[in-house]
Amino acid sequence: MDSSPAKSRYGTKLSTFRKRRKVWISLSLLILFILILLILGITLFKPKHAITTVNSVKVNGMRVALDVPQLRVDFNVSLDIDLTVKNPNRVSFRYGNSSALLYYRGVVVGEAEIPAGQISSGETKGMNVTLVLMADQLLSDSDFYSDVVSESRYFSHDGKHDK
């Protein structure tokens, strides 16, 4: 009878040890799984910017208007731009109606409307947009002519997203 309580006592200690070991192994596996997901999230699934390539630019039309109250001539040029957008990400993304602004020395000189759409993971999508270039803004800037002659580039761009 003496050996019976000893067995149950050692058996209880052994089963408690096994339960704790299973808990520690499970916790370790859970932490390892979370670490792997975190590393993948930081490296593999890190969002990257879309790559935009302009394929061609064509003059679509010109508009000349006389602004009598301000004593100036408005001169606009419409450019049809064929471009491709490549999504280097591992997930697709959607974009709403937006517009791209073209600046020359901090002054808006052009605007292009970009319609809403979706680009799948790794997809390259073609787009045609029309850029309305306010040529009078460029021609009225005295630095524009010297920049053209010296081949300096003071253009920049920015995008805005309509909600």
N, C-alpha and C. Protein backbone atom coordinates (compact mmCIF):
# COMPACT_ATOMS: atom_id res chain seq x y z
N MET A 1 0.81 -1.19 0.00
CA MET A 1 0.00 0.00 0.00
C MET A 1 0.85 1.25 0.00
N ASP A 2 2.02 1.08 0.47
CA ASP A 2 2.93 2.21 0.56
C ASP A 2 3.34 2.69 -0.84
N SER A 3 3.48 1.75 -1.77
CA SER A 3 3.95 2.11 -3.11
C SER A 3 2.86 2.77 -3.93
N SER A 4 1.63 2.51 -3.62
CA SER A 4 0.52 3.08 -4.39
C SER A 4 0.46 4.60 -4.31
N PRO A 5 0.54 5.22 -3.12
CA PRO A 5 0.53 6.67 -3.08
C PRO A 5 1.76 7.27 -3.74
N ALA A 6 2.88 6.57 -3.67
CA ALA A 6 4.10 7.09 -4.29
C ALA A 6 3.94 7.13 -5.80
N LYS A 7 3.33 6.12 -6.38
CA LYS A 7 3.11 6.09 -7.82
C LYS A 7 2.21 7.24 -8.25
N SER A 8 1.15 7.40 -7.53
CA SER A 8 0.22 8.47 -7.93
C SER A 8 0.88 9.84 -7.76
N ARG A 9 1.71 9.97 -6.72
CA ARG A 9 2.40 11.25 -6.51
C ARG A 9 3.37 11.50 -7.65
N TYR A 10 4.19 10.52 -8.03
CA TYR A 10 5.12 10.69 -9.15
C TYR A 10 4.37 10.82 -10.47
N GLY A 11 3.28 10.06 -10.59
CA GLY A 11 2.46 10.15 -11.81
C GLY A 11 1.86 11.52 -11.97
N THR A 12 1.43 12.14 -10.88
CA THR A 12 0.86 13.47 -10.92
C THR A 12 1.93 14.48 -11.29
N LYS A 13 3.12 14.34 -10.71
CA LYS A 13 4.22 15.25 -11.05
C LYS A 13 4.60 15.10 -12.51
N LEU A 14 4.63 13.88 -13.00
CA LEU A 14 4.99 13.63 -14.39
C LEU A 14 3.95 14.20 -15.34
N SER A 15 2.68 14.02 -15.03
CA SER A 15 1.62 14.55 -15.91
C SER A 15 1.60 16.08 -15.87
N THR A 16 1.90 16.68 -14.72
CA THR A 16 1.98 18.14 -14.62
C THR A 16 3.16 18.65 -15.43
N PHE A 17 4.29 17.93 -15.35
CA PHE A 17 5.46 18.31 -16.14
C PHE A 17 5.15 18.23 -17.63
N ARG A 18 4.46 17.20 -18.06
CA ARG A 18 4.10 17.04 -19.47
C ARG A 18 3.15 18.15 -19.92
N LYS A 19 2.20 18.49 -19.09
CA LYS A 19 1.25 19.57 -19.44
C LYS A 19 1.98 20.90 -19.58
N ARG A 20 2.89 21.19 -18.64
CA ARG A 20 3.65 22.43 -18.72
C ARG A 20 4.54 22.45 -19.96
N ARG A 21 5.15 21.31 -20.27
CA ARG A 21 6.00 21.23 -21.45
C ARG A 21 5.17 21.47 -22.73
N LYS A 22 3.97 20.92 -22.79
CA LYS A 22 3.09 21.13 -23.95
C LYS A 22 2.70 22.60 -24.07
N VAL A 23 2.44 23.23 -22.94
CA VAL A 23 2.09 24.66 -22.94
C VAL A 23 3.27 25.49 -23.45
N TRP A 24 4.49 25.19 -22.94
CA TRP A 24 5.68 25.95 -23.37
C TRP A 24 5.98 25.73 -24.85
N ILE A 25 5.81 24.52 -25.32
CA ILE A 25 6.03 24.24 -26.74
C ILE A 25 4.99 24.98 -27.59
N SER A 26 3.75 24.94 -27.16
CA SER A 26 2.69 25.65 -27.89
C SER A 26 2.95 27.16 -27.91
N LEU A 27 3.34 27.71 -26.76
CA LEU A 27 3.65 29.14 -26.70
C LEU A 27 4.83 29.48 -27.59
N SER A 28 5.85 28.65 -27.58
CA SER A 28 7.03 28.89 -28.42
C SER A 28 6.66 28.86 -29.90
N LEU A 29 5.85 27.90 -30.30
CA LEU A 29 5.40 27.83 -31.70
C LEU A 29 4.56 29.04 -32.09
N LEU A 30 3.71 29.49 -31.17
CA LEU A 30 2.89 30.67 -31.44
C LEU A 30 3.76 31.91 -31.61
N ILE A 31 4.75 32.08 -30.75
CA ILE A 31 5.66 33.23 -30.85
C ILE A 31 6.47 33.14 -32.14
N LEU A 32 6.92 31.94 -32.51
CA LEU A 32 7.66 31.76 -33.76
C LEU A 32 6.79 32.10 -34.97
N PHE A 33 5.54 31.68 -34.94
CA PHE A 33 4.60 31.99 -36.03
C PHE A 33 4.38 33.50 -36.14
N ILE A 34 4.21 34.17 -35.01
CA ILE A 34 4.02 35.63 -35.01
C ILE A 34 5.27 36.33 -35.54
N LEU A 35 6.45 35.86 -35.15
CA LEU A 35 7.71 36.43 -35.65
C LEU A 35 7.84 36.26 -37.16
N ILE A 36 7.49 35.10 -37.67
CA ILE A 36 7.55 34.87 -39.12
C ILE A 36 6.60 35.81 -39.84
N LEU A 37 5.38 35.96 -39.34
CA LEU A 37 4.42 36.88 -39.94
C LEU A 37 4.92 38.33 -39.90
N LEU A 38 5.54 38.71 -38.80
CA LEU A 38 6.09 40.06 -38.67
C LEU A 38 7.22 40.30 -39.66
N ILE A 39 8.11 39.34 -39.79
CA ILE A 39 9.22 39.47 -40.75
C ILE A 39 8.69 39.54 -42.17
N LEU A 40 7.73 38.70 -42.51
CA LEU A 40 7.13 38.75 -43.85
C LEU A 40 6.44 40.09 -44.08
N GLY A 41 5.76 40.59 -43.07
CA GLY A 41 5.06 41.87 -43.20
C GLY A 41 6.01 43.03 -43.41
N ILE A 42 7.17 42.96 -42.79
CA ILE A 42 8.15 44.05 -42.91
C ILE A 42 8.91 43.97 -44.23
N THR A 43 9.19 42.76 -44.71
CA THR A 43 10.03 42.62 -45.91
C THR A 43 9.21 42.33 -47.16
N LEU A 44 8.60 41.18 -47.22
CA LEU A 44 7.95 40.72 -48.44
C LEU A 44 6.71 41.53 -48.79
N PHE A 45 5.90 41.85 -47.81
CA PHE A 45 4.66 42.55 -48.07
C PHE A 45 4.75 44.05 -47.85
N LYS A 46 5.97 44.57 -47.78
CA LYS A 46 6.15 46.02 -47.61
C LYS A 46 5.61 46.74 -48.84
N PRO A 47 4.73 47.71 -48.66
CA PRO A 47 4.16 48.40 -49.82
C PRO A 47 5.23 49.18 -50.59
N LYS A 48 5.18 49.06 -51.91
CA LYS A 48 6.10 49.76 -52.78
C LYS A 48 5.30 50.71 -53.67
N HIS A 49 5.95 51.76 -54.15
CA HIS A 49 5.29 52.71 -55.04
C HIS A 49 5.11 52.10 -56.42
N ALA A 50 4.01 52.44 -57.06
CA ALA A 50 3.77 52.00 -58.43
C ALA A 50 4.79 52.66 -59.36
N ILE A 51 5.18 51.96 -60.41
CA ILE A 51 6.15 52.47 -61.37
C ILE A 51 5.39 52.95 -62.60
N THR A 52 5.49 54.25 -62.90
CA THR A 52 4.77 54.84 -64.02
C THR A 52 5.75 55.14 -65.14
N THR A 53 5.39 54.73 -66.36
CA THR A 53 6.22 54.96 -67.54
C THR A 53 5.38 55.68 -68.59
N VAL A 54 5.89 56.79 -69.11
CA VAL A 54 5.21 57.51 -70.18
C VAL A 54 5.67 56.91 -71.50
N ASN A 55 4.72 56.39 -72.29
CA ASN A 55 5.04 55.75 -73.56
C ASN A 55 5.02 56.75 -74.72
N SER A 56 4.03 57.64 -74.73
CA SER A 56 3.96 58.63 -75.81
C SER A 56 3.15 59.84 -75.34
N VAL A 57 3.45 60.97 -76.00
CA VAL A 57 2.73 62.22 -75.73
C VAL A 57 2.34 62.82 -77.09
N LYS A 58 1.06 63.13 -77.26
CA LYS A 58 0.59 63.72 -78.51
C LYS A 58 -0.21 64.98 -78.22
N VAL A 59 -0.05 65.98 -79.06
CA VAL A 59 -0.84 67.21 -78.92
C VAL A 59 -2.24 66.91 -79.43
N ASN A 60 -3.23 67.11 -78.57
CA ASN A 60 -4.62 66.85 -78.92
C ASN A 60 -5.31 68.10 -79.43
N GLY A 61 -5.00 69.24 -78.86
CA GLY A 61 -5.64 70.48 -79.29
C GLY A 61 -5.09 71.68 -78.56
N MET A 62 -5.45 72.85 -79.09
CA MET A 62 -5.03 74.11 -78.49
C MET A 62 -6.24 75.01 -78.35
N ARG A 63 -6.21 75.83 -77.32
CA ARG A 63 -7.30 76.79 -77.12
C ARG A 63 -6.69 78.13 -76.77
N VAL A 64 -7.11 79.14 -77.52
CA VAL A 64 -6.65 80.50 -77.26
C VAL A 64 -7.89 81.33 -76.95
N ALA A 65 -7.83 82.05 -75.83
CA ALA A 65 -8.95 82.90 -75.44
C ALA A 65 -8.40 84.23 -74.95
N LEU A 66 -9.16 85.28 -75.22
CA LEU A 66 -8.76 86.62 -74.79
C LEU A 66 -9.52 86.97 -73.52
N ASP A 67 -8.78 87.31 -72.48
CA ASP A 67 -9.36 87.72 -71.21
C ASP A 67 -9.27 89.23 -71.15
N VAL A 68 -10.36 89.91 -71.58
CA VAL A 68 -10.36 91.37 -71.70
C VAL A 68 -10.26 92.07 -70.35
N PRO A 69 -11.00 91.65 -69.32
CA PRO A 69 -10.91 92.37 -68.05
C PRO A 69 -9.50 92.38 -67.45
N GLN A 70 -8.75 91.28 -67.64
CA GLN A 70 -7.40 91.22 -67.07
C GLN A 70 -6.33 91.55 -68.10
N LEU A 71 -6.75 91.87 -69.30
CA LEU A 71 -5.84 92.23 -70.39
C LEU A 71 -4.75 91.18 -70.60
N ARG A 72 -5.18 89.95 -70.84
CA ARG A 72 -4.23 88.89 -71.10
C ARG A 72 -4.84 87.85 -72.04
N VAL A 73 -3.98 87.01 -72.59
CA VAL A 73 -4.41 85.94 -73.48
C VAL A 73 -4.23 84.61 -72.75
N ASP A 74 -5.29 83.80 -72.72
CA ASP A 74 -5.21 82.46 -72.15
C ASP A 74 -4.89 81.48 -73.26
N PHE A 75 -3.85 80.70 -73.06
CA PHE A 75 -3.40 79.75 -74.08
C PHE A 75 -3.22 78.39 -73.42
N ASN A 76 -4.08 77.43 -73.79
CA ASN A 76 -4.02 76.09 -73.22
C ASN A 76 -3.74 75.07 -74.32
N VAL A 77 -2.97 74.05 -73.97
CA VAL A 77 -2.66 72.97 -74.88
C VAL A 77 -3.09 71.66 -74.22
N SER A 78 -3.83 70.82 -74.96
CA SER A 78 -4.23 69.51 -74.45
C SER A 78 -3.28 68.46 -75.00
N LEU A 79 -2.73 67.66 -74.09
CA LEU A 79 -1.80 66.60 -74.48
C LEU A 79 -2.40 65.25 -74.10
N ASP A 80 -2.44 64.33 -75.07
CA ASP A 80 -2.85 62.95 -74.78
C ASP A 80 -1.60 62.18 -74.40
N ILE A 81 -1.62 61.60 -73.19
CA ILE A 81 -0.45 60.88 -72.68
C ILE A 81 -0.82 59.41 -72.54
N ASP A 82 -0.05 58.56 -73.22
CA ASP A 82 -0.21 57.12 -73.10
C ASP A 82 0.85 56.66 -72.10
N LEU A 83 0.39 56.05 -71.00
CA LEU A 83 1.33 55.62 -69.98
C LEU A 83 0.98 54.24 -69.47
N THR A 84 1.95 53.60 -68.82
CA THR A 84 1.71 52.32 -68.18
C THR A 84 2.08 52.44 -66.70
N VAL A 85 1.32 51.73 -65.89
CA VAL A 85 1.55 51.71 -64.44
C VAL A 85 1.77 50.27 -64.03
N LYS A 86 2.91 50.00 -63.40
CA LYS A 86 3.24 48.65 -62.93
C LYS A 86 3.11 48.60 -61.42
N ASN A 87 2.40 47.59 -60.95
CA ASN A 87 2.23 47.38 -59.51
C ASN A 87 3.25 46.33 -59.06
N PRO A 88 4.33 46.74 -58.37
CA PRO A 88 5.33 45.77 -57.92
C PRO A 88 4.96 45.05 -56.62
N ASN A 89 3.82 45.36 -56.06
CA ASN A 89 3.41 44.79 -54.78
C ASN A 89 2.85 43.38 -54.95
N ARG A 90 2.79 42.64 -53.85
CA ARG A 90 2.26 41.29 -53.85
C ARG A 90 0.75 41.27 -53.62
N VAL A 91 0.16 42.44 -53.49
CA VAL A 91 -1.30 42.55 -53.34
C VAL A 91 -1.80 43.60 -54.32
N SER A 92 -3.05 43.47 -54.73
CA SER A 92 -3.63 44.46 -55.64
C SER A 92 -4.03 45.71 -54.85
N PHE A 93 -4.24 46.81 -55.56
CA PHE A 93 -4.73 48.01 -54.90
C PHE A 93 -5.72 48.73 -55.79
N ARG A 94 -6.61 49.45 -55.14
CA ARG A 94 -7.61 50.26 -55.82
C ARG A 94 -7.27 51.72 -55.61
N TYR A 95 -7.63 52.53 -56.57
CA TYR A 95 -7.45 53.97 -56.43
C TYR A 95 -8.71 54.66 -56.91
N GLY A 96 -9.05 55.74 -56.26
CA GLY A 96 -10.24 56.49 -56.61
C GLY A 96 -9.93 57.54 -57.66
N ASN A 97 -10.94 58.31 -58.02
CA ASN A 97 -10.72 59.41 -58.95
C ASN A 97 -9.67 60.34 -58.38
N SER A 98 -8.70 60.67 -59.19
CA SER A 98 -7.63 61.54 -58.72
C SER A 98 -7.14 62.41 -59.86
N SER A 99 -6.22 63.27 -59.55
CA SER A 99 -5.65 64.13 -60.59
C SER A 99 -4.17 64.32 -60.31
N ALA A 100 -3.43 64.53 -61.38
CA ALA A 100 -2.01 64.79 -61.28
C ALA A 100 -1.78 66.25 -61.66
N LEU A 101 -0.99 66.94 -60.87
CA LEU A 101 -0.70 68.35 -61.12
C LEU A 101 0.74 68.49 -61.58
N LEU A 102 0.96 69.34 -62.57
CA LEU A 102 2.30 69.63 -63.07
C LEU A 102 2.66 71.04 -62.66
N TYR A 103 3.82 71.17 -62.01
CA TYR A 103 4.28 72.47 -61.51
C TYR A 103 5.52 72.92 -62.28
N TYR A 104 5.63 74.22 -62.47
CA TYR A 104 6.86 74.82 -62.99
C TYR A 104 7.25 75.92 -62.03
N ARG A 105 8.36 75.73 -61.35
CA ARG A 105 8.85 76.68 -60.33
C ARG A 105 7.78 77.00 -59.28
N GLY A 106 7.07 75.97 -58.85
CA GLY A 106 6.09 76.11 -57.78
C GLY A 106 4.72 76.61 -58.23
N VAL A 107 4.52 76.85 -59.51
CA VAL A 107 3.23 77.32 -60.02
C VAL A 107 2.58 76.19 -60.83
N VAL A 108 1.28 75.94 -60.60
CA VAL A 108 0.58 74.90 -61.34
C VAL A 108 0.46 75.32 -62.80
N VAL A 109 0.97 74.47 -63.71
CA VAL A 109 0.89 74.76 -65.13
C VAL A 109 0.16 73.67 -65.90
N GLY A 110 -0.26 72.60 -65.23
CA GLY A 110 -0.99 71.55 -65.92
C GLY A 110 -1.72 70.65 -64.95
N GLU A 111 -2.78 70.02 -65.47
CA GLU A 111 -3.57 69.10 -64.65
C GLU A 111 -4.10 67.97 -65.52
N ALA A 112 -4.04 66.76 -64.99
CA ALA A 112 -4.55 65.57 -65.68
C ALA A 112 -5.49 64.82 -64.74
N GLU A 113 -6.67 64.49 -65.24
CA GLU A 113 -7.64 63.72 -64.46
C GLU A 113 -7.35 62.24 -64.65
N ILE A 114 -7.33 61.49 -63.54
CA ILE A 114 -7.08 60.05 -63.58
C ILE A 114 -8.31 59.33 -63.04
N PRO A 115 -8.98 58.52 -63.88
CA PRO A 115 -10.20 57.84 -63.42
C PRO A 115 -9.89 56.71 -62.44
N ALA A 116 -10.88 56.37 -61.63
CA ALA A 116 -10.73 55.31 -60.62
C ALA A 116 -10.47 53.97 -61.30
N GLY A 117 -9.80 53.07 -60.58
CA GLY A 117 -9.53 51.75 -61.13
C GLY A 117 -8.87 50.85 -60.12
N GLN A 118 -8.40 49.69 -60.60
CA GLN A 118 -7.73 48.71 -59.75
C GLN A 118 -6.59 48.08 -60.55
N ILE A 119 -5.49 47.83 -59.88
CA ILE A 119 -4.35 47.16 -60.49
C ILE A 119 -4.02 45.93 -59.65
N SER A 120 -4.03 44.77 -60.27
CA SER A 120 -3.75 43.51 -59.57
C SER A 120 -2.28 43.40 -59.21
N SER A 121 -1.98 42.43 -58.41
CA SER A 121 -0.61 42.17 -57.97
C SER A 121 0.28 41.85 -59.16
N GLY A 122 1.39 42.60 -59.31
CA GLY A 122 2.34 42.37 -60.38
C GLY A 122 1.87 42.78 -61.77
N GLU A 123 0.69 43.34 -61.88
CA GLU A 123 0.11 43.70 -63.19
C GLU A 123 0.68 45.02 -63.69
N THR A 124 0.79 45.13 -65.02
CA THR A 124 1.12 46.38 -65.69
C THR A 124 -0.11 46.81 -66.47
N LYS A 125 -0.62 47.99 -66.15
CA LYS A 125 -1.88 48.45 -66.74
C LYS A 125 -1.62 49.69 -67.59
N GLY A 126 -2.17 49.71 -68.79
CA GLY A 126 -2.05 50.86 -69.67
C GLY A 126 -3.14 51.88 -69.38
N MET A 127 -2.82 53.16 -69.52
CA MET A 127 -3.77 54.24 -69.29
C MET A 127 -3.57 55.32 -70.32
N ASN A 128 -4.64 56.00 -70.65
CA ASN A 128 -4.57 57.18 -71.48
C ASN A 128 -5.17 58.33 -70.69
N VAL A 129 -4.40 59.37 -70.46
CA VAL A 129 -4.87 60.54 -69.73
C VAL A 129 -4.63 61.78 -70.59
N THR A 130 -5.43 62.79 -70.33
CA THR A 130 -5.28 64.06 -71.04
C THR A 130 -4.76 65.10 -70.06
N LEU A 131 -3.64 65.69 -70.39
CA LEU A 131 -3.03 66.74 -69.58
C LEU A 131 -3.37 68.07 -70.22
N VAL A 132 -4.02 68.93 -69.47
CA VAL A 132 -4.30 70.29 -69.94
C VAL A 132 -3.16 71.17 -69.44
N LEU A 133 -2.34 71.62 -70.38
CA LEU A 133 -1.17 72.43 -70.08
C LEU A 133 -1.53 73.89 -70.26
N MET A 134 -1.40 74.66 -69.20
CA MET A 134 -1.69 76.10 -69.26
C MET A 134 -0.43 76.81 -69.76
N ALA A 135 -0.30 76.81 -71.08
CA ALA A 135 0.92 77.33 -71.71
C ALA A 135 1.13 78.80 -71.42
N ASP A 136 0.06 79.55 -71.21
CA ASP A 136 0.21 80.98 -70.91
C ASP A 136 0.95 81.19 -69.60
N GLN A 137 0.79 80.25 -68.64
CA GLN A 137 1.52 80.34 -67.38
C GLN A 137 3.02 80.18 -67.61
N LEU A 138 3.37 79.27 -68.53
CA LEU A 138 4.78 79.05 -68.85
C LEU A 138 5.36 80.24 -69.61
N LEU A 139 4.62 80.70 -70.62
CA LEU A 139 5.14 81.75 -71.49
C LEU A 139 5.24 83.09 -70.76
N SER A 140 4.44 83.29 -69.74
CA SER A 140 4.48 84.56 -69.01
C SER A 140 5.64 84.61 -68.01
N ASP A 141 6.25 83.45 -67.72
CA ASP A 141 7.39 83.41 -66.80
C ASP A 141 8.67 83.75 -67.57
N SER A 142 9.34 84.80 -67.13
CA SER A 142 10.54 85.27 -67.84
C SER A 142 11.68 84.27 -67.77
N ASP A 143 11.70 83.38 -66.77
CA ASP A 143 12.76 82.38 -66.65
C ASP A 143 12.56 81.19 -67.59
N PHE A 144 11.36 81.03 -68.13
CA PHE A 144 11.06 79.87 -68.95
C PHE A 144 11.98 79.79 -70.18
N TYR A 145 12.15 80.90 -70.87
CA TYR A 145 12.97 80.90 -72.09
C TYR A 145 14.42 80.54 -71.77
N SER A 146 14.97 81.13 -70.72
CA SER A 146 16.36 80.81 -70.36
C SER A 146 16.49 79.36 -69.88
N ASP A 147 15.45 78.83 -69.24
CA ASP A 147 15.49 77.43 -68.82
C ASP A 147 15.46 76.49 -70.02
N VAL A 148 14.69 76.84 -71.05
CA VAL A 148 14.63 76.01 -72.25
C VAL A 148 15.98 76.01 -72.95
N VAL A 149 16.60 77.19 -73.08
CA VAL A 149 17.88 77.30 -73.76
C VAL A 149 18.97 76.55 -72.98
N SER A 150 18.96 76.66 -71.66
CA SER A 150 19.99 76.00 -70.85
C SER A 150 19.64 74.54 -70.52
N GLU A 151 18.49 74.08 -71.00
CA GLU A 151 18.00 72.71 -70.78
C GLU A 151 17.83 72.38 -69.30
N SER A 152 17.48 73.38 -68.51
CA SER A 152 17.20 73.17 -67.08
C SER A 152 15.78 72.65 -66.93
N ARG A 153 15.57 71.85 -65.90
CA ARG A 153 14.24 71.28 -65.66
C ARG A 153 13.76 71.70 -64.28
N TYR A 154 12.78 72.57 -64.28
CA TYR A 154 12.20 73.02 -63.02
C TYR A 154 10.77 72.52 -62.85
N PHE A 155 10.43 71.44 -63.54
CA PHE A 155 9.10 70.88 -63.43
C PHE A 155 9.06 69.89 -62.27
N SER A 156 7.93 69.84 -61.62
CA SER A 156 7.68 68.83 -60.59
C SER A 156 6.23 68.42 -60.70
N HIS A 157 5.87 67.35 -60.02
CA HIS A 157 4.49 66.87 -60.11
C HIS A 157 4.01 66.46 -58.73
N ASP A 158 2.70 66.37 -58.65
CA ASP A 158 2.07 65.97 -57.40
C ASP A 158 0.72 65.37 -57.77
N GLY A 159 0.22 64.51 -56.93
CA GLY A 159 -1.09 63.91 -57.17
C GLY A 159 -2.02 64.21 -56.02
N LYS A 160 -3.29 64.29 -56.34
CA LYS A 160 -4.29 64.45 -55.27
C LYS A 160 -5.40 63.48 -55.53
N HIS A 161 -5.97 62.96 -54.45
CA HIS A 161 -6.98 61.91 -54.51
C HIS A 161 -8.32 62.49 -54.06
N ASP A 162 -9.32 62.33 -54.92
CA ASP A 162 -10.67 62.75 -54.55
C ASP A 162 -11.33 61.65 -53.75
N LYS A 163 -12.04 62.02 -52.71
CA LYS A 163 -12.67 61.00 -51.86
C LYS A 163 -14.08 60.73 -52.30
